[in-house]
Amino acid sequence: MERLTVQEEEAMQAVWLTGEGNVKSFLEKMEEPLPPYTTLASTIKNLEKKGYLQSRQVGNMYMYRPTITESQYKQGYMNNFIHNYFDNSYKAMVNFFVEQKQLSKDELQEILEMIERKK
C-alpha cells in the first residue's frame, strides 16, 4: 500500500464520509480551508491512479468510490509505521510514548483493561 500525502488523506477522508460521489460532493464534506475544486479533482485522479478509488462515468461527470476502507488503510498505515519507526515492535512504540510523557499510567491501565476484555 502506497503511503498517501496529507492532501490525499484529507481527500480520502471526504470520500469515506461520502461513499460514492463526485468531486463536488467530496468538497462539501471537507473542512475549511477548502482546497480549490481543480486541486481536489487532480488529487482524486491521483488517488484513482494509485488504486484507492474506482470511477464510473455518469453522463458527463465521473463518480468515484473507495476501493479500500478507512479501517484497511489505518491498519496498513500503522503496520508500516511500526515497521519503519519501531522495528516491528508495538512494545517499543508504547515505550516511546511513555518516555515522551504522551501516555500516562492511567491510560496504560485503560489499555490493559481493554486487552483483557478482548480475551
PDB file of N, CA and C in Angstrom:
ATOM      1  N   MET A   1       0.841  -1.170   0.000  1.00  0.00           N
ATOM      2  CA  MET A   1       0.000   0.000   0.000  1.00  0.00           C
ATOM      3  C   MET A   1       0.893   1.242   0.000  1.00  0.00           C
ATOM      4  N   GLU A   2       0.676   2.099  -0.952  1.00  0.00           N
ATOM      5  CA  GLU A   2       1.463   3.318  -1.063  1.00  0.00           C
ATOM      6  C   GLU A   2       0.975   4.348  -0.044  1.00  0.00           C
ATOM      7  N   ARG A   3       1.919   4.971   0.616  1.00  0.00           N
ATOM      8  CA  ARG A   3       1.577   5.985   1.606  1.00  0.00           C
ATOM      9  C   ARG A   3       0.992   7.210   0.906  1.00  0.00           C
ATOM     10  N   LEU A   4      -0.043   7.774   1.500  1.00  0.00           N
ATOM     11  CA  LEU A   4      -0.701   8.939   0.931  1.00  0.00           C
ATOM     12  C   LEU A   4      -0.117  10.221   1.495  1.00  0.00           C
ATOM     13  N   THR A   5      -0.178  11.273   0.691  1.00  0.00           N
ATOM     14  CA  THR A   5       0.211  12.599   1.167  1.00  0.00           C
ATOM     15  C   THR A   5      -0.894  13.121   2.079  1.00  0.00           C
ATOM     16  N   VAL A   6      -0.610  14.185   2.802  1.00  0.00           N
ATOM     17  CA  VAL A   6      -1.619  14.796   3.681  1.00  0.00           C
ATOM     18  C   VAL A   6      -2.831  15.207   2.850  1.00  0.00           C
ATOM     19  N   GLN A   7      -2.591  15.813   1.707  1.00  0.00           N
ATOM     20  CA  GLN A   7      -3.663  16.248   0.813  1.00  0.00           C
ATOM     21  C   GLN A   7      -4.510  15.059   0.353  1.00  0.00           C
ATOM     22  N   GLU A   8      -3.851  13.952   0.024  1.00  0.00           N
ATOM     23  CA  GLU A   8      -4.576  12.759  -0.397  1.00  0.00           C
ATOM     24  C   GLU A   8      -5.359  12.140   0.754  1.00  0.00           C
ATOM     25  N   GLU A   9      -4.783  12.146   1.954  1.00  0.00           N
ATOM     26  CA  GLU A   9      -5.504  11.612   3.120  1.00  0.00           C
ATOM     27  C   GLU A   9      -6.745  12.438   3.413  1.00  0.00           C
ATOM     28  N   GLU A  10      -6.626  13.759   3.302  1.00  0.00           N
ATOM     29  CA  GLU A  10      -7.797  14.618   3.529  1.00  0.00           C
ATOM     30  C   GLU A  10      -8.881  14.329   2.495  1.00  0.00           C
ATOM     31  N   ALA A  11      -8.474  14.119   1.259  1.00  0.00           N
ATOM     32  CA  ALA A  11      -9.446  13.788   0.213  1.00  0.00           C
ATOM     33  C   ALA A  11     -10.096  12.440   0.508  1.00  0.00           C
ATOM     34  N   MET A  12      -9.300  11.458   0.910  1.00  0.00           N
ATOM     35  CA  MET A  12      -9.850  10.138   1.216  1.00  0.00           C
ATOM     36  C   MET A  12     -10.814  10.206   2.398  1.00  0.00           C
ATOM     37  N   GLN A  13     -10.544  11.046   3.381  1.00  0.00           N
ATOM     38  CA  GLN A  13     -11.474  11.201   4.497  1.00  0.00           C
ATOM     39  C   GLN A  13     -12.840  11.641   3.969  1.00  0.00           C
ATOM     40  N   ALA A  14     -12.842  12.582   3.038  1.00  0.00           N
ATOM     41  CA  ALA A  14     -14.097  13.058   2.444  1.00  0.00           C
ATOM     42  C   ALA A  14     -14.764  11.949   1.633  1.00  0.00           C
ATOM     43  N   VAL A  15     -13.969  11.168   0.915  1.00  0.00           N
ATOM     44  CA  VAL A  15     -14.506  10.052   0.128  1.00  0.00           C
ATOM     45  C   VAL A  15     -15.148   9.027   1.056  1.00  0.00           C
ATOM     46  N   TRP A  16     -14.456   8.663   2.132  1.00  0.00           N
ATOM     47  CA  TRP A  16     -15.015   7.691   3.063  1.00  0.00           C
ATOM     48  C   TRP A  16     -16.305   8.188   3.698  1.00  0.00           C
ATOM     49  N   LEU A  17     -16.376   9.477   3.989  1.00  0.00           N
ATOM     50  CA  LEU A  17     -17.603  10.043   4.555  1.00  0.00           C
ATOM     51  C   LEU A  17     -18.751  10.005   3.552  1.00  0.00           C
ATOM     52  N   THR A  18     -18.420  10.225   2.285  1.00  0.00           N
ATOM     53  CA  THR A  18     -19.433  10.325   1.236  1.00  0.00           C
ATOM     54  C   THR A  18     -19.854   8.962   0.712  1.00  0.00           C
ATOM     55  N   GLY A  19     -18.895   8.056   0.604  1.00  0.00           N
ATOM     56  CA  GLY A  19     -19.158   6.784  -0.075  1.00  0.00           C
ATOM     57  C   GLY A  19     -18.881   7.010  -1.544  1.00  0.00           C
ATOM     58  N   GLU A  20     -19.872   6.841  -2.381  1.00  0.00           N
ATOM     59  CA  GLU A  20     -19.694   7.146  -3.798  1.00  0.00           C
ATOM     60  C   GLU A  20     -20.145   8.571  -4.056  1.00  0.00           C
ATOM     61  N   GLY A  21     -19.363   9.295  -4.852  1.00  0.00           N
ATOM     62  CA  GLY A  21     -19.731  10.665  -5.164  1.00  0.00           C
ATOM     63  C   GLY A  21     -18.827  11.269  -6.213  1.00  0.00           C
ATOM     64  N   ASN A  22     -19.091  12.528  -6.498  1.00  0.00           N
ATOM     65  CA  ASN A  22     -18.251  13.263  -7.438  1.00  0.00           C
ATOM     66  C   ASN A  22     -17.385  14.255  -6.663  1.00  0.00           C
ATOM     67  N   VAL A  23     -16.533  14.948  -7.365  1.00  0.00           N
ATOM     68  CA  VAL A  23     -15.596  15.861  -6.710  1.00  0.00           C
ATOM     69  C   VAL A  23     -16.350  16.895  -5.879  1.00  0.00           C
ATOM     70  N   LYS A  24     -17.440  17.422  -6.419  1.00  0.00           N
ATOM     71  CA  LYS A  24     -18.223  18.439  -5.689  1.00  0.00           C
ATOM     72  C   LYS A  24     -18.745  17.883  -4.361  1.00  0.00           C
ATOM     73  N   SER A  25     -19.238  16.650  -4.376  1.00  0.00           N
ATOM     74  CA  SER A  25     -19.771  16.067  -3.130  1.00  0.00           C
ATOM     75  C   SER A  25     -18.660  15.834  -2.113  1.00  0.00           C
ATOM     76  N   PHE A  26     -17.452  15.510  -2.584  1.00  0.00           N
ATOM     77  CA  PHE A  26     -16.333  15.339  -1.664  1.00  0.00           C
ATOM     78  C   PHE A  26     -15.932  16.686  -1.070  1.00  0.00           C
ATOM     79  N   LEU A  27     -15.924  17.701  -1.893  1.00  0.00           N
ATOM     80  CA  LEU A  27     -15.559  19.051  -1.443  1.00  0.00           C
ATOM     81  C   LEU A  27     -16.494  19.514  -0.333  1.00  0.00           C
ATOM     82  N   GLU A  28     -17.767  19.152  -0.429  1.00  0.00           N
ATOM     83  CA  GLU A  28     -18.760  19.538   0.582  1.00  0.00           C
ATOM     84  C   GLU A  28     -18.506  18.875   1.932  1.00  0.00           C
ATOM     85  N   LYS A  29     -17.802  17.757   1.961  1.00  0.00           N
ATOM     86  CA  LYS A  29     -17.515  17.034   3.207  1.00  0.00           C
ATOM     87  C   LYS A  29     -16.200  17.468   3.859  1.00  0.00           C
ATOM     88  N   MET A  30     -15.428  18.302   3.166  1.00  0.00           N
ATOM     89  CA  MET A  30     -14.120  18.694   3.683  1.00  0.00           C
ATOM     90  C   MET A  30     -14.235  19.890   4.615  1.00  0.00           C
ATOM     91  N   GLU A  31     -13.245  19.991   5.499  1.00  0.00           N
ATOM     92  CA  GLU A  31     -13.215  21.097   6.451  1.00  0.00           C
ATOM     93  C   GLU A  31     -12.466  22.281   5.866  1.00  0.00           C
ATOM     94  N   GLU A  32     -12.753  23.446   6.389  1.00  0.00           N
ATOM     95  CA  GLU A  32     -12.061  24.677   5.983  1.00  0.00           C
ATOM     96  C   GLU A  32     -10.609  24.613   6.413  1.00  0.00           C
ATOM     97  N   PRO A  33      -9.686  25.190   5.719  1.00  0.00           N
ATOM     98  CA  PRO A  33      -9.858  25.847   4.423  1.00  0.00           C
ATOM     99  C   PRO A  33      -9.971  24.800   3.314  1.00  0.00           C
ATOM    100  N   LEU A  34     -10.942  25.003   2.445  1.00  0.00           N
ATOM    101  CA  LEU A  34     -11.187  24.065   1.362  1.00  0.00           C
ATOM    102  C   LEU A  34     -10.158  24.242   0.252  1.00  0.00           C
ATOM    103  N   PRO A  35      -9.733  23.132  -0.330  1.00  0.00           N
ATOM    104  CA  PRO A  35      -8.837  23.261  -1.488  1.00  0.00           C
ATOM    105  C   PRO A  35      -9.639  23.743  -2.692  1.00  0.00           C
ATOM    106  N   PRO A  36      -8.982  24.355  -3.669  1.00  0.00           N
ATOM    107  CA  PRO A  36      -9.703  24.710  -4.893  1.00  0.00           C
ATOM    108  C   PRO A  36     -10.257  23.437  -5.549  1.00  0.00           C
ATOM    109  N   TYR A  37     -11.383  23.584  -6.236  1.00  0.00           N
ATOM    110  CA  TYR A  37     -12.030  22.449  -6.893  1.00  0.00           C
ATOM    111  C   TYR A  37     -11.054  21.707  -7.801  1.00  0.00           C
ATOM    112  N   THR A  38     -10.286  22.450  -8.590  1.00  0.00           N
ATOM    113  CA  THR A  38      -9.364  21.817  -9.548  1.00  0.00           C
ATOM    114  C   THR A  38      -8.261  21.042  -8.829  1.00  0.00           C
ATOM    115  N   THR A  39      -7.825  21.535  -7.688  1.00  0.00           N
ATOM    116  CA  THR A  39      -6.805  20.837  -6.903  1.00  0.00           C
ATOM    117  C   THR A  39      -7.357  19.521  -6.380  1.00  0.00           C
ATOM    118  N   LEU A  40      -8.578  19.561  -5.851  1.00  0.00           N
ATOM    119  CA  LEU A  40      -9.202  18.341  -5.350  1.00  0.00           C
ATOM    120  C   LEU A  40      -9.439  17.359  -6.498  1.00  0.00           C
ATOM    121  N   ALA A  41      -9.877  17.855  -7.643  1.00  0.00           N
ATOM    122  CA  ALA A  41     -10.108  16.980  -8.797  1.00  0.00           C
ATOM    123  C   ALA A  41      -8.819  16.276  -9.206  1.00  0.00           C
ATOM    124  N   SER A  42      -7.719  17.003  -9.191  1.00  0.00           N
ATOM    125  CA  SER A  42      -6.411  16.420  -9.522  1.00  0.00           C
ATOM    126  C   SER A  42      -6.010  15.367  -8.487  1.00  0.00           C
ATOM    127  N   THR A  43      -6.243  15.663  -7.220  1.00  0.00           N
ATOM    128  CA  THR A  43      -5.932  14.728  -6.140  1.00  0.00           C
ATOM    129  C   THR A  43      -6.758  13.450  -6.288  1.00  0.00           C
ATOM    130  N   ILE A  44      -8.022  13.605  -6.614  1.00  0.00           N
ATOM    131  CA  ILE A  44      -8.915  12.459  -6.802  1.00  0.00           C
ATOM    132  C   ILE A  44      -8.412  11.587  -7.955  1.00  0.00           C
ATOM    133  N   LYS A  45      -8.006  12.212  -9.051  1.00  0.00           N
ATOM    134  CA  LYS A  45      -7.455  11.457 -10.196  1.00  0.00           C
ATOM    135  C   LYS A  45      -6.195  10.689  -9.782  1.00  0.00           C
ATOM    136  N   ASN A  46      -5.333  11.333  -8.984  1.00  0.00           N
ATOM    137  CA  ASN A  46      -4.119  10.665  -8.498  1.00  0.00           C
ATOM    138  C   ASN A  46      -4.468   9.465  -7.614  1.00  0.00           C
ATOM    139  N   LEU A  47      -5.482   9.623  -6.777  1.00  0.00           N
ATOM    140  CA  LEU A  47      -5.912   8.519  -5.923  1.00  0.00           C
ATOM    141  C   LEU A  47      -6.459   7.360  -6.753  1.00  0.00           C
ATOM    142  N   GLU A  48      -7.103   7.685  -7.852  1.00  0.00           N
ATOM    143  CA  GLU A  48      -7.589   6.638  -8.747  1.00  0.00           C
ATOM    144  C   GLU A  48      -6.401   5.917  -9.398  1.00  0.00           C
ATOM    145  N   LYS A  49      -5.409   6.671  -9.842  1.00  0.00           N
ATOM    146  CA  LYS A  49      -4.220   6.065 -10.451  1.00  0.00           C
ATOM    147  C   LYS A  49      -3.487   5.164  -9.460  1.00  0.00           C
ATOM    148  N   LYS A  50      -3.470   5.536  -8.184  1.00  0.00           N
ATOM    149  CA  LYS A  50      -2.811   4.743  -7.151  1.00  0.00           C
ATOM    150  C   LYS A  50      -3.639   3.537  -6.732  1.00  0.00           C
ATOM    151  N   GLY A  51      -4.883   3.471  -7.191  1.00  0.00           N
ATOM    152  CA  GLY A  51      -5.726   2.323  -6.883  1.00  0.00           C
ATOM    153  C   GLY A  51      -6.617   2.478  -5.665  1.00  0.00           C
ATOM    154  N   TYR A  52      -6.677   3.659  -5.081  1.00  0.00           N
ATOM    155  CA  TYR A  52      -7.510   3.876  -3.903  1.00  0.00           C
ATOM    156  C   TYR A  52      -8.967   4.168  -4.267  1.00  0.00           C
ATOM    157  N   LEU A  53      -9.203   4.574  -5.513  1.00  0.00           N
ATOM    158  CA  LEU A  53     -10.549   4.901  -5.970  1.00  0.00           C
ATOM    159  C   LEU A  53     -10.835   4.209  -7.293  1.00  0.00           C
ATOM    160  N   GLN A  54     -12.112   3.951  -7.532  1.00  0.00           N
ATOM    161  CA  GLN A  54     -12.592   3.494  -8.831  1.00  0.00           C
ATOM    162  C   GLN A  54     -13.575   4.539  -9.327  1.00  0.00           C
ATOM    163  N   SER A  55     -13.643   4.692 -10.640  1.00  0.00           N
ATOM    164  CA  SER A  55     -14.583   5.670 -11.181  1.00  0.00           C
ATOM    165  C   SER A  55     -15.483   5.020 -12.211  1.00  0.00           C
ATOM    166  N   ARG A  56     -16.612   5.675 -12.412  1.00  0.00           N
ATOM    167  CA  ARG A  56     -17.516   5.315 -13.496  1.00  0.00           C
ATOM    168  C   ARG A  56     -18.127   6.611 -14.002  1.00  0.00           C
ATOM    169  N   GLN A  57     -18.328   6.654 -15.310  1.00  0.00           N
ATOM    170  CA  GLN A  57     -18.870   7.865 -15.902  1.00  0.00           C
ATOM    171  C   GLN A  57     -20.395   7.799 -15.883  1.00  0.00           C
ATOM    172  N   VAL A  58     -20.993   8.890 -15.414  1.00  0.00           N
ATOM    173  CA  VAL A  58     -22.446   9.034 -15.403  1.00  0.00           C
ATOM    174  C   VAL A  58     -22.738  10.329 -16.140  1.00  0.00           C
ATOM    175  N   GLY A  59     -23.236  10.207 -17.359  1.00  0.00           N
ATOM    176  CA  GLY A  59     -23.435  11.399 -18.180  1.00  0.00           C
ATOM    177  C   GLY A  59     -22.087  12.019 -18.492  1.00  0.00           C
ATOM    178  N   ASN A  60     -21.945  13.276 -18.127  1.00  0.00           N
ATOM    179  CA  ASN A  60     -20.672  13.964 -18.386  1.00  0.00           C
ATOM    180  C   ASN A  60     -19.821  14.128 -17.124  1.00  0.00           C
ATOM    181  N   MET A  61     -20.164  13.422 -16.063  1.00  0.00           N
ATOM    182  CA  MET A  61     -19.349  13.505 -14.845  1.00  0.00           C
ATOM    183  C   MET A  61     -18.886  12.131 -14.413  1.00  0.00           C
ATOM    184  N   TYR A  62     -17.873  12.130 -13.566  1.00  0.00           N
ATOM    185  CA  TYR A  62     -17.343  10.882 -13.026  1.00  0.00           C
ATOM    186  C   TYR A  62     -17.762  10.741 -11.573  1.00  0.00           C
ATOM    187  N   MET A  63     -18.168   9.529 -11.242  1.00  0.00           N
ATOM    188  CA  MET A  63     -18.488   9.174  -9.866  1.00  0.00           C
ATOM    189  C   MET A  63     -17.359   8.278  -9.370  1.00  0.00           C
ATOM    190  N   TYR A  64     -16.910   8.538  -8.151  1.00  0.00           N
ATOM    191  CA  TYR A  64     -15.795   7.792  -7.572  1.00  0.00           C
ATOM    192  C   TYR A  64     -16.260   7.090  -6.308  1.00  0.00           C
ATOM    193  N   ARG A  65     -15.642   5.941  -6.059  1.00  0.00           N
ATOM    194  CA  ARG A  65     -15.900   5.235  -4.803  1.00  0.00           C
ATOM    195  C   ARG A  65     -14.584   4.623  -4.339  1.00  0.00           C
ATOM    196  N   PRO A  66     -14.435   4.469  -3.024  1.00  0.00           N
ATOM    197  CA  PRO A  66     -13.174   3.922  -2.497  1.00  0.00           C
ATOM    198  C   PRO A  66     -13.041   2.433  -2.790  1.00  0.00           C
ATOM    199  N   THR A  67     -11.816   2.004  -3.006  1.00  0.00           N
ATOM    200  CA  THR A  67     -11.533   0.574  -3.192  1.00  0.00           C
ATOM    201  C   THR A  67     -10.993  -0.039  -1.913  1.00  0.00           C
ATOM    202  N   ILE A  68     -10.800   0.795  -0.909  1.00  0.00           N
ATOM    203  CA  ILE A  68     -10.244   0.362   0.370  1.00  0.00           C
ATOM    204  C   ILE A  68     -11.017   1.086   1.472  1.00  0.00           C
ATOM    205  N   THR A  69     -11.291   0.392   2.560  1.00  0.00           N
ATOM    206  CA  THR A  69     -12.000   1.029   3.666  1.00  0.00           C
ATOM    207  C   THR A  69     -11.022   1.856   4.504  1.00  0.00           C
ATOM    208  N   GLU A  70     -11.573   2.736   5.281  1.00  0.00           N
ATOM    209  CA  GLU A  70     -10.737   3.538   6.177  1.00  0.00           C
ATOM    210  C   GLU A  70      -9.992   2.630   7.156  1.00  0.00           C
ATOM    211  N   SER A  71     -10.671   1.604   7.638  1.00  0.00           N
ATOM    212  CA  SER A  71     -10.056   0.661   8.570  1.00  0.00           C
ATOM    213  C   SER A  71      -8.885  -0.079   7.921  1.00  0.00           C
ATOM    214  N   GLN A  72      -9.049  -0.499   6.679  1.00  0.00           N
ATOM    215  CA  GLN A  72      -7.966  -1.179   5.972  1.00  0.00           C
ATOM    216  C   GLN A  72      -6.762  -0.246   5.784  1.00  0.00           C
ATOM    217  N   TYR A  73      -7.037   1.023   5.470  1.00  0.00           N
ATOM    218  CA  TYR A  73      -5.949   1.986   5.297  1.00  0.00           C
ATOM    219  C   TYR A  73      -5.212   2.198   6.626  1.00  0.00           C
ATOM    220  N   LYS A  74      -5.968   2.390   7.699  1.00  0.00           N
ATOM    221  CA  LYS A  74      -5.345   2.589   9.013  1.00  0.00           C
ATOM    222  C   LYS A  74      -4.470   1.411   9.387  1.00  0.00           C
ATOM    223  N   GLN A  75      -4.970   0.207   9.156  1.00  0.00           N
ATOM    224  CA  GLN A  75      -4.204  -0.987   9.507  1.00  0.00           C
ATOM    225  C   GLN A  75      -2.902  -1.041   8.719  1.00  0.00           C
ATOM    226  N   GLY A  76      -2.967  -0.806   7.426  1.00  0.00           N
ATOM    227  CA  GLY A  76      -1.760  -0.813   6.602  1.00  0.00           C
ATOM    228  C   GLY A  76      -0.803   0.293   6.974  1.00  0.00           C
ATOM    229  N   TYR A  77      -1.344   1.481   7.233  1.00  0.00           N
ATOM    230  CA  TYR A  77      -0.515   2.625   7.604  1.00  0.00           C
ATOM    231  C   TYR A  77       0.204   2.351   8.923  1.00  0.00           C
ATOM    232  N   MET A  78      -0.540   1.857   9.905  1.00  0.00           N
ATOM    233  CA  MET A  78       0.065   1.606  11.211  1.00  0.00           C
ATOM    234  C   MET A  78       1.096   0.484  11.153  1.00  0.00           C
ATOM    235  N   ASN A  79       0.808  -0.559  10.384  1.00  0.00           N
ATOM    236  CA  ASN A  79       1.785  -1.639  10.242  1.00  0.00           C
ATOM    237  C   ASN A  79       3.088  -1.113   9.651  1.00  0.00           C
ATOM    238  N   ASN A  80       2.993  -0.274   8.627  1.00  0.00           N
ATOM    239  CA  ASN A  80       4.195   0.328   8.029  1.00  0.00           C
ATOM    240  C   ASN A  80       4.894   1.254   9.021  1.00  0.00           C
ATOM    241  N   PHE A  81       4.112   2.026   9.753  1.00  0.00           N
ATOM    242  CA  PHE A  81       4.653   2.962  10.736  1.00  0.00           C
ATOM    243  C   PHE A  81       5.449   2.210  11.809  1.00  0.00           C
ATOM    244  N   ILE A  82       4.847   1.168  12.354  1.00  0.00           N
ATOM    245  CA  ILE A  82       5.516   0.370  13.396  1.00  0.00           C
ATOM    246  C   ILE A  82       6.770  -0.290  12.821  1.00  0.00           C
ATOM    247  N   HIS A  83       6.673  -0.802  11.614  1.00  0.00           N
ATOM    248  CA  HIS A  83       7.824  -1.451  10.967  1.00  0.00           C
ATOM    249  C   HIS A  83       8.959  -0.446  10.746  1.00  0.00           C
ATOM    250  N   ASN A  84       8.633   0.731  10.202  1.00  0.00           N
ATOM    251  CA  ASN A  84       9.661   1.709   9.833  1.00  0.00           C
ATOM    252  C   ASN A  84      10.278   2.446  11.016  1.00  0.00           C
ATOM    253  N   TYR A  85       9.494   2.707  12.046  1.00  0.00           N
ATOM    254  CA  TYR A  85       9.995   3.544  13.141  1.00  0.00           C
ATOM    255  C   TYR A  85      10.269   2.793  14.440  1.00  0.00           C
ATOM    256  N   PHE A  86       9.703   1.589  14.603  1.00  0.00           N
ATOM    257  CA  PHE A  86       9.851   0.879  15.866  1.00  0.00           C
ATOM    258  C   PHE A  86      10.274  -0.574  15.678  1.00  0.00           C
ATOM    259  N   ASP A  87      10.901  -0.872  14.556  1.00  0.00           N
ATOM    260  CA  ASP A  87      11.460  -2.200  14.289  1.00  0.00           C
ATOM    261  C   ASP A  87      10.430  -3.311  14.543  1.00  0.00           C
ATOM    262  N   ASN A  88       9.211  -3.068  14.090  1.00  0.00           N
ATOM    263  CA  ASN A  88       8.104  -4.022  14.220  1.00  0.00           C
ATOM    264  C   ASN A  88       7.724  -4.335  15.663  1.00  0.00           C
ATOM    265  N   SER A  89       8.014  -3.439  16.587  1.00  0.00           N
ATOM    266  CA  SER A  89       7.715  -3.685  17.994  1.00  0.00           C
ATOM    267  C   SER A  89       6.683  -2.681  18.518  1.00  0.00           C
ATOM    268  N   TYR A  90       5.490  -3.197  18.790  1.00  0.00           N
ATOM    269  CA  TYR A  90       4.457  -2.344  19.391  1.00  0.00           C
ATOM    270  C   TYR A  90       4.868  -1.944  20.809  1.00  0.00           C
ATOM    271  N   LYS A  91       5.578  -2.831  21.475  1.00  0.00           N
ATOM    272  CA  LYS A  91       6.080  -2.527  22.815  1.00  0.00           C
ATOM    273  C   LYS A  91       7.022  -1.319  22.765  1.00  0.00           C
ATOM    274  N   ALA A  92       7.898  -1.288  21.773  1.00  0.00           N
ATOM    275  CA  ALA A  92       8.820  -0.149  21.627  1.00  0.00           C
ATOM    276  C   ALA A  92       8.040   1.138  21.354  1.00  0.00           C
ATOM    277  N   MET A  93       6.959   1.039  20.583  1.00  0.00           N
ATOM    278  CA  MET A  93       6.147   2.225  20.307  1.00  0.00           C
ATOM    279  C   MET A  93       5.491   2.743  21.588  1.00  0.00           C
ATOM    280  N   VAL A  94       4.899   1.833  22.356  1.00  0.00           N
ATOM    281  CA  VAL A  94       4.257   2.236  23.607  1.00  0.00           C
ATOM    282  C   VAL A  94       5.294   2.853  24.546  1.00  0.00           C
ATOM    283  N   ASN A  95       6.453   2.223  24.645  1.00  0.00           N
ATOM    284  CA  ASN A  95       7.524   2.738  25.490  1.00  0.00           C
ATOM    285  C   ASN A  95       7.944   4.144  25.062  1.00  0.00           C
ATOM    286  N   PHE A  96       8.018   4.368  23.756  1.00  0.00           N
ATOM    287  CA  PHE A  96       8.364   5.689  23.231  1.00  0.00           C
ATOM    288  C   PHE A  96       7.382   6.743  23.745  1.00  0.00           C
ATOM    289  N   PHE A  97       6.079   6.434  23.640  1.00  0.00           N
ATOM    290  CA  PHE A  97       5.074   7.404  24.087  1.00  0.00           C
ATOM    291  C   PHE A  97       5.098   7.601  25.598  1.00  0.00           C
ATOM    292  N   VAL A  98       5.427   6.567  26.348  1.00  0.00           N
ATOM    293  CA  VAL A  98       5.573   6.707  27.802  1.00  0.00           C
ATOM    294  C   VAL A  98       6.754   7.626  28.111  1.00  0.00           C
ATOM    295  N   GLU A  99       7.890   7.364  27.447  1.00  0.00           N
ATOM    296  CA  GLU A  99       9.088   8.183  27.681  1.00  0.00           C
ATOM    297  C   GLU A  99       8.867   9.645  27.281  1.00  0.00           C
ATOM    298  N   GLN A 100       8.069   9.867  26.267  1.00  0.00           N
ATOM    299  CA  GLN A 100       7.787  11.233  25.806  1.00  0.00           C
ATOM    300  C   GLN A 100       6.678  11.895  26.632  1.00  0.00           C
ATOM    301  N   LYS A 101       6.218  11.167  27.643  1.00  0.00           N
ATOM    302  CA  LYS A 101       5.137  11.632  28.519  1.00  0.00           C
ATOM    303  C   LYS A 101       3.849  11.933  27.727  1.00  0.00           C
ATOM    304  N   GLN A 102       3.634  11.119  26.705  1.00  0.00           N
ATOM    305  CA  GLN A 102       2.420  11.218  25.895  1.00  0.00           C
ATOM    306  C   GLN A 102       1.366  10.205  26.333  1.00  0.00           C
ATOM    307  N   LEU A 103       1.777   9.286  27.196  1.00  0.00           N
ATOM    308  CA  LEU A 103       0.902   8.225  27.658  1.00  0.00           C
ATOM    309  C   LEU A 103       1.092   8.090  29.163  1.00  0.00           C
ATOM    310  N   SER A 104       0.002   8.286  29.904  1.00  0.00           N
ATOM    311  CA  SER A 104       0.090   8.242  31.362  1.00  0.00           C
ATOM    312  C   SER A 104      -0.112   6.826  31.891  1.00  0.00           C
ATOM    313  N   LYS A 105       0.172   6.665  33.182  1.00  0.00           N
ATOM    314  CA  LYS A 105      -0.030   5.374  33.845  1.00  0.00           C
ATOM    315  C   LYS A 105      -1.503   4.979  33.786  1.00  0.00           C
ATOM    316  N   ASP A 106      -2.398   5.935  33.983  1.00  0.00           N
ATOM    317  CA  ASP A 106      -3.829   5.649  33.924  1.00  0.00           C
ATOM    318  C   ASP A 106      -4.249   5.193  32.522  1.00  0.00           C
ATOM    319  N   GLU A 107      -3.684   5.834  31.502  1.00  0.00           N
ATOM    320  CA  GLU A 107      -4.006   5.439  30.133  1.00  0.00           C
ATOM    321  C   GLU A 107      -3.475   4.034  29.832  1.00  0.00           C
ATOM    322  N   LEU A 108      -2.291   3.731  30.326  1.00  0.00           N
ATOM    323  CA  LEU A 108      -1.748   2.387  30.159  1.00  0.00           C
ATOM    324  C   LEU A 108      -2.648   1.358  30.831  1.00  0.00           C
ATOM    325  N   GLN A 109      -3.153   1.691  32.016  1.00  0.00           N
ATOM    326  CA  GLN A 109      -4.058   0.784  32.720  1.00  0.00           C
ATOM    327  C   GLN A 109      -5.331   0.571  31.907  1.00  0.00           C
ATOM    328  N   GLU A 110      -5.847   1.638  31.310  1.00  0.00           N
ATOM    329  CA  GLU A 110      -7.038   1.520  30.460  1.00  0.00           C
ATOM    330  C   GLU A 110      -6.764   0.601  29.268  1.00  0.00           C
ATOM    331  N   ILE A 111      -5.591   0.721  28.676  1.00  0.00           N
ATOM    332  CA  ILE A 111      -5.216  -0.128  27.547  1.00  0.00           C
ATOM    333  C   ILE A 111      -5.161  -1.587  27.986  1.00  0.00           C
ATOM    334  N   LEU A 112      -4.559  -1.852  29.143  1.00  0.00           N
ATOM    335  CA  LEU A 112      -4.506  -3.220  29.661  1.00  0.00           C
ATOM    336  C   LEU A 112      -5.906  -3.781  29.898  1.00  0.00           C
ATOM    337  N   GLU A 113      -6.793  -2.950  30.420  1.00  0.00           N
ATOM    338  CA  GLU A 113      -8.162  -3.388  30.662  1.00  0.00           C
ATOM    339  C   GLU A 113      -8.870  -3.691  29.343  1.00  0.00           C
ATOM    340  N   MET A 114      -8.615  -2.883  28.319  1.00  0.00           N
ATOM    341  CA  MET A 114      -9.201  -3.135  27.003  1.00  0.00           C
ATOM    342  C   MET A 114      -8.708  -4.461  26.445  1.00  0.00           C
ATOM    343  N   ILE A 115      -7.430  -4.735  26.611  1.00  0.00           N
ATOM    344  CA  ILE A 115      -6.846  -6.003  26.143  1.00  0.00           C
ATOM    345  C   ILE A 115      -7.488  -7.172  26.876  1.00  0.00           C
ATOM    346  N   GLU A 116      -7.647  -7.059  28.178  1.00  0.00           N
ATOM    347  CA  GLU A 116      -8.241  -8.131  28.971  1.00  0.00           C
ATOM    348  C   GLU A 116      -9.688  -8.394  28.532  1.00  0.00           C
ATOM    349  N   ARG A 117     -10.434  -7.345  28.222  1.00  0.00           N
ATOM    350  CA  ARG A 117     -11.821  -7.526  27.786  1.00  0.00           C
ATOM    351  C   ARG A 117     -11.915  -8.235  26.434  1.00  0.00           C
ATOM    352  N   LYS A 118     -10.887  -8.098  25.610  1.00  0.00           N
ATOM    353  CA  LYS A 118     -10.880  -8.722  24.281  1.00  0.00           C
ATOM    354  C   LYS A 118     -10.593 -10.213  24.359  1.00  0.00           C
ATOM    355  N   LYS A 119      -9.988 -10.668  25.448  1.00  0.00           N
ATOM    356  CA  LYS A 119      -9.605 -12.081  25.580  1.00  0.00           C
ATOM    357  C   LYS A 119     -10.805 -12.968  25.771  1.00  0.00           C
TER     358      LYS A 119
END
